[in-house]
Amino acid sequence: MTVTPGETVWHVLELLADERIGAVPVLDGERIVGVMSERDLIYALRTNGAAVMEWTVDRVMTSPVLTVAPDTAVIAALALMTGQRVRHLPVVERDQLVGFVSIGDLVKSRLDQIEQEAGAMRAYIQGDYERHI
């Protein structure tokens, strides 16, 4: 799901609400040029009032965009998001958008990884313990 820079902010508001998502990548052709988030909308409304609903996305979106490559480690992406105070990152390969991750996606992935590592450690300890009895 993406939007273009020329679409209205109102359209993006409807999309975010209908899909229950917090942000959407903004593409100009196939090139990512921004991210439009709930936060962008709130800041624009606070500063400019309801008139922003008729504005185009390119007036409100966050740009330039922070991106990550598909092989970026989860912990590195989390560190980038925390350091830059963003909650969504486009995943880009060869200047093409190939994914869009939220901080929630990455936290879940990291927790799953930690649980797998803990399970492997428990299995190792139990197996090693039983051999020494």
Protein backbone atom coordinates (compact mmCIF):
# COMPACT_ATOMS: atom_id res chain seq x y z
CA MET A 1 0.00 0.00 0.00
CA THR A 2 1.49 3.32 -1.11
CA VAL A 3 0.37 6.82 -2.03
CA THR A 4 1.67 9.46 -4.42
CA PRO A 5 2.87 12.98 -3.56
CA GLY A 6 -0.10 14.55 -5.36
CA GLU A 7 -2.86 12.76 -3.45
CA THR A 8 -4.76 14.66 -0.79
CA VAL A 9 -4.01 14.44 2.89
CA TRP A 10 -7.69 13.55 3.36
CA HIS A 11 -7.21 10.49 1.15
CA VAL A 12 -4.26 9.35 3.27
CA LEU A 13 -6.23 9.94 6.47
CA GLU A 14 -8.96 7.66 5.14
CA LEU A 15 -6.41 5.04 4.11
CA LEU A 16 -4.67 5.06 7.50
CA ALA A 17 -8.00 4.78 9.32
CA ASP A 18 -9.52 2.14 7.03
CA GLU A 19 -6.42 -0.05 7.09
CA ARG A 20 -5.65 0.66 10.77
CA ILE A 21 -2.05 1.54 9.98
CA GLY A 22 0.18 4.35 11.22
CA ALA A 23 2.04 5.33 8.07
CA VAL A 24 2.33 4.77 4.36
CA PRO A 25 5.24 5.15 1.91
CA VAL A 26 4.98 7.92 -0.67
CA LEU A 27 6.16 6.96 -4.16
CA ASP A 28 6.86 9.13 -7.17
CA GLY A 29 6.73 6.52 -9.89
CA GLU A 30 8.78 3.72 -8.36
CA ARG A 31 11.04 5.99 -6.29
CA ILE A 32 10.32 6.51 -2.60
CA VAL A 33 10.17 10.21 -1.82
CA GLY A 34 8.59 10.29 1.62
CA VAL A 35 6.58 8.70 4.37
CA MET A 36 3.20 10.04 5.45
CA SER A 37 2.41 9.17 9.06
CA GLU A 38 -0.18 9.90 11.71
CA ARG A 39 2.42 12.07 13.38
CA ASP A 40 2.89 14.15 10.20
CA LEU A 41 -0.86 14.65 10.04
CA ILE A 42 -1.12 15.71 13.69
CA TYR A 43 1.72 18.24 13.38
CA ALA A 44 0.23 19.70 10.20
CA LEU A 45 -3.23 19.98 11.74
CA ARG A 46 -1.87 21.61 14.89
CA THR A 47 0.05 24.20 12.92
CA ASN A 48 -2.31 24.86 10.00
CA GLY A 49 -5.77 23.67 10.98
CA ALA A 50 -8.26 21.66 8.99
CA ALA A 51 -7.21 23.27 5.70
CA VAL A 52 -4.38 20.69 5.49
CA MET A 53 -6.94 18.03 4.64
CA GLU A 54 -7.14 19.47 1.11
CA TRP A 55 -3.36 19.82 0.74
CA THR A 56 -1.31 17.35 -1.23
CA VAL A 57 0.74 14.73 0.57
CA ASP A 58 4.06 16.27 -0.51
CA ARG A 59 3.32 19.31 1.70
CA VAL A 60 2.95 17.19 4.84
CA MET A 61 5.03 14.02 4.41
CA THR A 62 8.38 13.39 6.03
CA SER A 63 11.17 13.76 3.50
CA PRO A 64 13.96 12.88 2.95
CA VAL A 65 13.27 9.33 3.98
CA LEU A 66 15.32 7.07 6.22
CA THR A 67 15.49 3.61 4.66
CA VAL A 68 17.07 0.24 5.36
CA ALA A 69 18.24 -2.57 3.11
CA PRO A 70 16.64 -6.02 3.27
CA ASP A 71 19.74 -7.43 4.95
CA THR A 72 19.81 -4.82 7.72
CA ALA A 73 19.91 -6.52 11.11
CA VAL A 74 16.76 -6.12 13.18
CA ILE A 75 18.73 -4.63 16.06
CA ALA A 76 20.35 -2.08 13.70
CA ALA A 77 16.96 -1.05 12.32
CA LEU A 78 15.59 -0.72 15.86
CA ALA A 79 18.56 1.43 16.84
CA LEU A 80 18.02 3.67 13.80
CA MET A 81 14.32 4.06 14.57
CA THR A 82 14.97 4.83 18.22
CA GLY A 83 17.76 7.28 17.46
CA GLN A 84 15.77 9.11 14.80
CA ARG A 85 12.44 8.85 16.63
CA VAL A 86 10.56 7.23 13.74
CA ARG A 87 8.15 4.33 13.90
CA HIS A 88 8.23 3.15 10.28
CA LEU A 89 11.02 2.39 7.82
CA PRO A 90 10.85 1.65 4.11
CA VAL A 91 12.96 -1.32 3.04
CA VAL A 92 14.72 -0.44 -0.21
CA GLU A 93 16.81 -2.54 -2.57
CA ARG A 94 18.34 -1.07 -5.74
CA ASP A 95 16.22 2.07 -5.33
CA GLN A 96 13.04 -0.05 -5.24
CA LEU A 97 10.65 -0.26 -2.29
CA VAL A 98 10.53 -3.92 -1.27
CA GLY A 99 8.95 -3.60 2.16
CA PHE A 100 7.78 -1.32 4.94
CA VAL A 101 8.34 -2.20 8.59
CA SER A 102 7.05 -0.73 11.80
CA ILE A 103 8.80 -0.66 15.12
CA GLY A 104 6.18 -3.16 16.31
CA ASP A 105 7.16 -5.57 13.52
CA LEU A 106 10.81 -5.32 14.53
CA VAL A 107 10.16 -5.69 18.26
CA LYS A 108 8.09 -8.81 17.60
CA SER A 109 10.83 -10.23 15.39
CA ARG A 110 13.46 -9.51 18.05
CA LEU A 111 11.35 -11.13 20.80
CA ASP A 112 10.82 -14.21 18.62
CA GLN A 113 14.58 -14.39 18.04
CA ILE A 114 15.31 -14.08 21.76
CA GLU A 115 12.78 -16.82 22.56
CA GLN A 116 14.38 -19.14 19.98
CA GLU A 117 17.83 -18.48 21.42
CA ALA A 118 16.56 -19.12 24.97
CA GLY A 119 14.93 -22.36 23.84
CA ALA A 120 18.14 -23.51 22.18
CA MET A 121 20.10 -22.65 25.33
CA ARG A 122 17.62 -24.57 27.52
CA ALA A 123 17.85 -27.59 25.23
CA TYR A 124 21.64 -27.42 25.25
CA ILE A 125 21.83 -27.15 29.03
CA GLN A 126 19.34 -29.96 29.58
CA GLY A 127 21.10 -32.21 27.08
CA ASP A 128 24.52 -31.41 28.51
CA TYR A 129 23.28 -31.87 32.08
CA GLU A 130 21.79 -35.28 31.33
CA ARG A 131 25.05 -36.54 29.79
CA HIS A 132 26.95 -35.69 32.98
CA ILE A 133 24.60 -37.50 35.40
